[in-house]
C-alpha atoms as a PDB file:
ATOM      1  CA  MET A   1       1.468 -15.929  50.164  1.00  0.00           C
ATOM      2  CA  LEU A   2       4.427 -13.381  50.695  1.00  0.00           C
ATOM      3  CA  SER A   3       3.418  -9.552  50.155  1.00  0.00           C
ATOM      4  CA  GLY A   4       5.741  -7.276  48.045  1.00  0.00           C
ATOM      5  CA  PHE A   5       6.595  -6.036  51.423  1.00  0.00           C
ATOM      6  CA  ASP A   6       8.106  -9.748  52.333  1.00  0.00           C
ATOM      7  CA  ILE A   7       9.899 -10.210  49.228  1.00  0.00           C
ATOM      8  CA  GLU A   8      11.686  -7.077  49.371  1.00  0.00           C
ATOM      9  CA  HIS A   9      12.981  -7.955  53.247  1.00  0.00           C
ATOM     10  CA  LEU A  10      14.105 -11.586  51.928  1.00  0.00           C
ATOM     11  CA  VAL A  11      16.118  -9.876  49.322  1.00  0.00           C
ATOM     12  CA  LYS A  12      17.403  -7.176  51.577  1.00  0.00           C
ATOM     13  CA  THR A  13      18.724  -9.784  53.971  1.00  0.00           C
ATOM     14  CA  GLY A  14      19.839 -11.927  51.233  1.00  0.00           C
ATOM     15  CA  ARG A  15      17.702 -14.889  51.743  1.00  0.00           C
ATOM     16  CA  LEU A  16      16.062 -14.760  48.721  1.00  0.00           C
ATOM     17  CA  SER A  17      18.776 -14.097  45.586  1.00  0.00           C
ATOM     18  CA  VAL A  18      17.154 -12.047  42.563  1.00  0.00           C
ATOM     19  CA  ARG A  19      19.947 -11.064  39.834  1.00  0.00           C
ATOM     20  CA  PRO A  20      19.722  -8.632  38.536  1.00  0.00           C
ATOM     21  CA  PHE A  21      17.122  -6.973  40.990  1.00  0.00           C
ATOM     22  CA  SER A  22      15.204  -4.401  40.091  1.00  0.00           C
ATOM     23  CA  LYS A  23      13.088  -2.778  43.172  1.00  0.00           C
ATOM     24  CA  GLY A  24      10.593  -1.874  40.397  1.00  0.00           C
ATOM     25  CA  SER A  25       9.771  -5.314  39.738  1.00  0.00           C
ATOM     26  CA  VAL A  26       8.482  -6.378  42.984  1.00  0.00           C
ATOM     27  CA  ARG A  27       4.617  -6.153  43.009  1.00  0.00           C
ATOM     28  CA  GLU A  28       1.831  -6.090  45.705  1.00  0.00           C
ATOM     29  CA  ASN A  29       2.055  -9.897  46.114  1.00  0.00           C
ATOM     30  CA  GLY A  30       4.872 -10.810  43.937  1.00  0.00           C
ATOM     31  CA  ILE A  31       7.600  -9.954  41.207  1.00  0.00           C
ATOM     32  CA  ASP A  32       7.880  -9.783  37.745  1.00  0.00           C
ATOM     33  CA  PHE A  33      10.449 -11.453  35.803  1.00  0.00           C
ATOM     34  CA  ARG A  34      11.695  -9.977  32.488  1.00  0.00           C
ATOM     35  CA  LEU A  35      12.684 -12.576  29.285  1.00  0.00           C
ATOM     36  CA  ALA A  36      16.102 -12.864  28.245  1.00  0.00           C
ATOM     37  CA  ASN A  37      17.376 -12.838  24.668  1.00  0.00           C
ATOM     38  CA  GLU A  38      16.623 -16.478  23.779  1.00  0.00           C
ATOM     39  CA  ILE A  39      14.102 -18.847  22.274  1.00  0.00           C
ATOM     40  CA  ALA A  40      14.017 -22.298  21.434  1.00  0.00           C
ATOM     41  CA  ARG A  41      11.763 -23.463  18.679  1.00  0.00           C
ATOM     42  CA  HIS A  42      11.039 -26.378  16.555  1.00  0.00           C
ATOM     43  CA  PRO A  43      12.457 -26.776  13.338  1.00  0.00           C
ATOM     44  CA  LEU A  44      10.243 -28.123  10.427  1.00  0.00           C
ATOM     45  CA  PHE A  45       9.664 -31.719  10.872  1.00  0.00           C
ATOM     46  CA  LYS A  46       8.825 -34.270   8.109  1.00  0.00           C
ATOM     47  CA  GLU A  47       5.671 -35.330   8.073  1.00  0.00           C
ATOM     48  CA  GLY A  48       4.619 -38.017  10.141  1.00  0.00           C
ATOM     49  CA  PHE A  49       7.379 -37.083  12.681  1.00  0.00           C
ATOM     50  CA  VAL A  50       6.474 -38.681  15.778  1.00  0.00           C
ATOM     51  CA  LEU A  51       8.497 -37.338  19.412  1.00  0.00           C
ATOM     52  CA  ASP A  52       9.334 -39.975  21.582  1.00  0.00           C
ATOM     53  CA  PRO A  53       9.858 -37.922  24.903  1.00  0.00           C
ATOM     54  CA  SER A  54      12.146 -40.645  26.325  1.00  0.00           C
ATOM     55  CA  ASN A  55      14.567 -40.316  23.528  1.00  0.00           C
ATOM     56  CA  PRO A  56      17.407 -38.292  24.345  1.00  0.00           C
ATOM     57  CA  ALA A  57      18.356 -37.824  20.702  1.00  0.00           C
ATOM     58  CA  HIS A  58      14.819 -37.110  19.928  1.00  0.00           C
ATOM     59  CA  ILE A  59      14.742 -34.035  22.673  1.00  0.00           C
ATOM     60  CA  SER A  60      17.722 -32.899  21.833  1.00  0.00           C
ATOM     61  CA  SER A  61      16.483 -32.599  17.968  1.00  0.00           C
ATOM     62  CA  SER A  62      13.335 -31.217  18.525  1.00  0.00           C
ATOM     63  CA  TYR A  63      14.594 -27.698  19.557  1.00  0.00           C
ATOM     64  CA  LYS A  64      16.951 -25.038  18.076  1.00  0.00           C
ATOM     65  CA  ILE A  65      18.301 -22.500  20.520  1.00  0.00           C
ATOM     66  CA  GLU A  66      18.632 -18.749  19.200  1.00  0.00           C
ATOM     67  CA  LYS A  67      20.520 -16.663  21.380  1.00  0.00           C
ATOM     68  CA  GLY A  68      21.229 -13.049  21.357  1.00  0.00           C
ATOM     69  CA  LYS A  69      17.771 -11.718  20.288  1.00  0.00           C
ATOM     70  CA  GLY A  70      16.332  -8.343  21.181  1.00  0.00           C
ATOM     71  CA  ARG A  71      13.188  -9.488  19.149  1.00  0.00           C
ATOM     72  CA  MET A  72      11.365 -12.593  19.144  1.00  0.00           C
ATOM     73  CA  VAL A  73       8.580 -13.556  16.889  1.00  0.00           C
ATOM     74  CA  ILE A  74       6.319 -16.577  18.024  1.00  0.00           C
ATOM     75  CA  ARG A  75       4.253 -17.614  15.199  1.00  0.00           C
ATOM     76  CA  ALA A  76       0.805 -18.210  15.366  1.00  0.00           C
ATOM     77  CA  HIS A  77      -0.037 -21.634  17.120  1.00  0.00           C
ATOM     78  CA  GLU A  78       3.688 -22.319  17.850  1.00  0.00           C
ATOM     79  CA  GLN A  79       4.979 -23.141  21.050  1.00  0.00           C
ATOM     80  CA  VAL A  80       8.290 -22.245  22.339  1.00  0.00           C
ATOM     81  CA  LEU A  81      10.691 -22.245  25.311  1.00  0.00           C
ATOM     82  CA  LEU A  82      12.013 -18.976  26.493  1.00  0.00           C
ATOM     83  CA  SER A  83      14.019 -17.831  29.820  1.00  0.00           C
ATOM     84  CA  THR A  84      13.814 -15.275  31.853  1.00  0.00           C
ATOM     85  CA  LEU A  85      16.550 -12.813  32.558  1.00  0.00           C
ATOM     86  CA  GLU A  86      16.464 -13.040  36.288  1.00  0.00           C
ATOM     87  CA  PHE A  87      18.719 -15.874  37.770  1.00  0.00           C
ATOM     88  CA  ILE A  88      17.122 -16.606  41.191  1.00  0.00           C
ATOM     89  CA  GLU A  89      17.782 -18.396  44.253  1.00  0.00           C
ATOM     90  CA  VAL A  90      15.093 -19.716  46.775  1.00  0.00           C
ATOM     91  CA  PRO A  91      15.284 -20.657  50.596  1.00  0.00           C
ATOM     92  CA  ASP A  92      14.404 -23.958  51.809  1.00  0.00           C
ATOM     93  CA  ASP A  93      11.369 -22.884  53.625  1.00  0.00           C
ATOM     94  CA  ILE A  94      10.141 -20.679  50.666  1.00  0.00           C
ATOM     95  CA  ALA A  95       8.268 -21.829  47.289  1.00  0.00           C
ATOM     96  CA  GLY A  96       7.283 -19.975  44.370  1.00  0.00           C
ATOM     97  CA  PHE A  97       4.146 -20.315  41.482  1.00  0.00           C
ATOM     98  CA  VAL A  98       5.233 -18.917  37.863  1.00  0.00           C
ATOM     99  CA  GLU A  99       2.573 -17.511  35.963  1.00  0.00           C
ATOM    100  CA  LEU A 100       2.590 -15.380  32.921  1.00  0.00           C
ATOM    101  CA  ARG A 101       1.425 -11.639  33.125  1.00  0.00           C
ATOM    102  CA  SER A 102      -2.335 -11.295  32.334  1.00  0.00           C
ATOM    103  CA  THR A 103      -1.587  -8.661  29.460  1.00  0.00           C
ATOM    104  CA  TRP A 104       0.074 -11.411  27.182  1.00  0.00           C
ATOM    105  CA  ALA A 105      -2.511 -13.746  27.750  1.00  0.00           C
ATOM    106  CA  ARG A 106      -4.908 -11.134  26.559  1.00  0.00           C
ATOM    107  CA  HIS A 107      -3.008 -11.053  23.574  1.00  0.00           C
ATOM    108  CA  GLY A 108      -3.105 -14.840  22.891  1.00  0.00           C
ATOM    109  CA  LEU A 109      -0.372 -16.135  24.728  1.00  0.00           C
ATOM    110  CA  SER A 110      -0.550 -18.944  27.409  1.00  0.00           C
ATOM    111  CA  MET A 111       1.919 -20.631  29.419  1.00  0.00           C
ATOM    112  CA  PRO A 112       1.561 -23.589  31.916  1.00  0.00           C
ATOM    113  CA  PRO A 113       1.950 -22.499  35.614  1.00  0.00           C
ATOM    114  CA  THR A 114       5.470 -23.583  36.879  1.00  0.00           C
ATOM    115  CA  ILE A 115       6.282 -24.536  40.156  1.00  0.00           C
ATOM    116  CA  ILE A 116       9.809 -22.856  41.914  1.00  0.00           C
ATOM    117  CA  ASP A 117      10.683 -25.447  44.710  1.00  0.00           C
ATOM    118  CA  ALA A 118      12.148 -24.945  47.900  1.00  0.00           C
ATOM    119  CA  GLY A 119      15.861 -24.546  47.310  1.00  0.00           C
ATOM    120  CA  PHE A 120      15.718 -23.928  43.466  1.00  0.00           C
ATOM    121  CA  ALA A 121      18.662 -22.010  41.816  1.00  0.00           C
ATOM    122  CA  GLY A 122      18.590 -20.878  38.193  1.00  0.00           C
ATOM    123  CA  ASN A 123      17.044 -19.305  35.797  1.00  0.00           C
ATOM    124  CA  ILE A 124      13.556 -20.016  34.830  1.00  0.00           C
ATOM    125  CA  THR A 125      12.558 -22.096  31.713  1.00  0.00           C
ATOM    126  CA  LEU A 126       8.694 -20.787  30.277  1.00  0.00           C
ATOM    127  CA  GLU A 127       7.016 -22.916  27.876  1.00  0.00           C
ATOM    128  CA  VAL A 128       4.885 -20.436  25.831  1.00  0.00           C
ATOM    129  CA  VAL A 129       2.050 -21.259  23.152  1.00  0.00           C
ATOM    130  CA  ASN A 130       0.778 -18.385  20.953  1.00  0.00           C
ATOM    131  CA  ASN A 131      -2.723 -19.352  20.773  1.00  0.00           C
ATOM    132  CA  ALA A 132      -3.444 -16.605  18.116  1.00  0.00           C
ATOM    133  CA  PRO A 133      -4.020 -16.607  14.847  1.00  0.00           C
ATOM    134  CA  TYR A 134      -1.178 -14.401  14.259  1.00  0.00           C
ATOM    135  CA  ASP A 135       2.085 -13.643  15.221  1.00  0.00           C
ATOM    136  CA  ILE A 136       3.665 -11.845  18.268  1.00  0.00           C
ATOM    137  CA  ALA A 137       6.535  -9.877  18.847  1.00  0.00           C
ATOM    138  CA  LEU A 138       8.362 -10.025  22.229  1.00  0.00           C
ATOM    139  CA  LYS A 139      11.393  -8.049  23.327  1.00  0.00           C
ATOM    140  CA  SER A 140      13.973  -9.219  25.537  1.00  0.00           C
ATOM    141  CA  ARG A 141      13.967  -7.404  28.931  1.00  0.00           C
ATOM    142  CA  ILE A 142      10.080  -6.873  28.985  1.00  0.00           C
ATOM    143  CA  PRO A 143       7.990  -7.936  31.939  1.00  0.00           C
ATOM    144  CA  PHE A 144       6.494 -11.448  31.406  1.00  0.00           C
ATOM    145  CA  ALA A 145       6.108 -13.537  34.064  1.00  0.00           C
ATOM    146  CA  HIS A 146       5.040 -13.291  37.644  1.00  0.00           C
ATOM    147  CA  ILE A 147       6.089 -15.138  40.168  1.00  0.00           C
ATOM    148  CA  VAL A 148       4.375 -15.303  43.922  1.00  0.00           C
ATOM    149  CA  PHE A 149       5.940 -16.776  47.034  1.00  0.00           C
ATOM    150  CA  ASN A 150       4.408 -18.949  49.458  1.00  0.00           C
ATOM    151  CA  LYS A 151       6.138 -19.610  52.845  1.00  0.00           C
ATOM    152  CA  LEU A 152       6.637 -23.188  53.981  1.00  0.00           C
ATOM    153  CA  ASN A 153       5.226 -24.337  57.444  1.00  0.00           C
ATOM    154  CA  ASN A 154       8.805 -26.047  57.653  1.00  0.00           C
ATOM    155  CA  LYS A 155      11.800 -26.286  55.631  1.00  0.00           C
ATOM    156  CA  ALA A 156      11.844 -28.656  52.897  1.00  0.00           C
ATOM    157  CA  SER A 157      13.449 -31.859  54.350  1.00  0.00           C
ATOM    158  CA  ASP A 158      15.307 -32.372  51.159  1.00  0.00           C
ATOM    159  CA  PRO A 159      15.360 -28.929  49.251  1.00  0.00           C
ATOM    160  CA  TYR A 160      15.454 -29.040  45.532  1.00  0.00           C
ATOM    161  CA  LYS A 161      18.840 -30.223  43.549  1.00  0.00           C
ATOM    162  CA  GLY A 162      17.109 -31.659  40.707  1.00  0.00           C
ATOM    163  CA  THR A 163      17.998 -31.432  36.787  1.00  0.00           C
ATOM    164  CA  TYR A 164      17.200 -27.855  36.158  1.00  0.00           C
ATOM    165  CA  TYR A 165      19.234 -26.765  39.370  1.00  0.00           C
ATOM    166  CA  GLY A 166      21.435 -23.867  38.395  1.00  0.00           C
ATOM    167  CA  GLN A 167      20.197 -23.727  34.866  1.00  0.00           C
ATOM    168  CA  LYS A 168      21.396 -21.038  32.992  1.00  0.00           C
ATOM    169  CA  GLY A 169      19.430 -20.025  30.291  1.00  0.00           C
ATOM    170  CA  ILE A 170      16.949 -22.278  28.356  1.00  0.00           C
ATOM    171  CA  ARG A 171      17.159 -25.775  29.227  1.00  0.00           C
ATOM    172  CA  LEU A 172      15.761 -28.412  26.973  1.00  0.00           C
ATOM    173  CA  PRO A 173      13.535 -31.005  28.552  1.00  0.00           C
ATOM    174  CA  LYS A 174      15.022 -34.167  30.221  1.00  0.00           C
ATOM    175  CA  PRO A 175      14.048 -37.308  29.293  1.00  0.00           C
ATOM    176  CA  ILE A 176      10.884 -38.906  30.492  1.00  0.00           C
ATOM    177  CA  ARG A 177      11.637 -42.724  32.019  1.00  0.00           C
END
């Protein structure tokens, strides 16, 4: 796992790109990413709706993306997609693990861990669930996710260039085939 010193060195030498970069976001063994000002939430569905994750029309109609939000409210027991403010470009010999900052978990939010593959570039789309019995307000630009990086023993033989490469803002899930 890379230390804060290692991360600062990678950014300074241009091997790891984080834009915008704030030296204050580098932690002991990771870096904090902030929320962008957009949220994707599910519209109200008719009773009996069943999402077919292999159907692109179902996926595109199952989310409504709201942009330009300084304040975002996640309703009790709601699942939403959020995006990081930071755009990251990872070299082909580094991988990252994205976790929710523990303070947010203590308030009732959860987020499955996300892996940043070697070679990835883009904003990070975050899948967040409010498990609390109350609504939770978030503000854009607040530290929300923590990323730790690991050095691979070798360069990735096939750096990431998949569906989510280069994503800007929230990218909806791809159909599962």
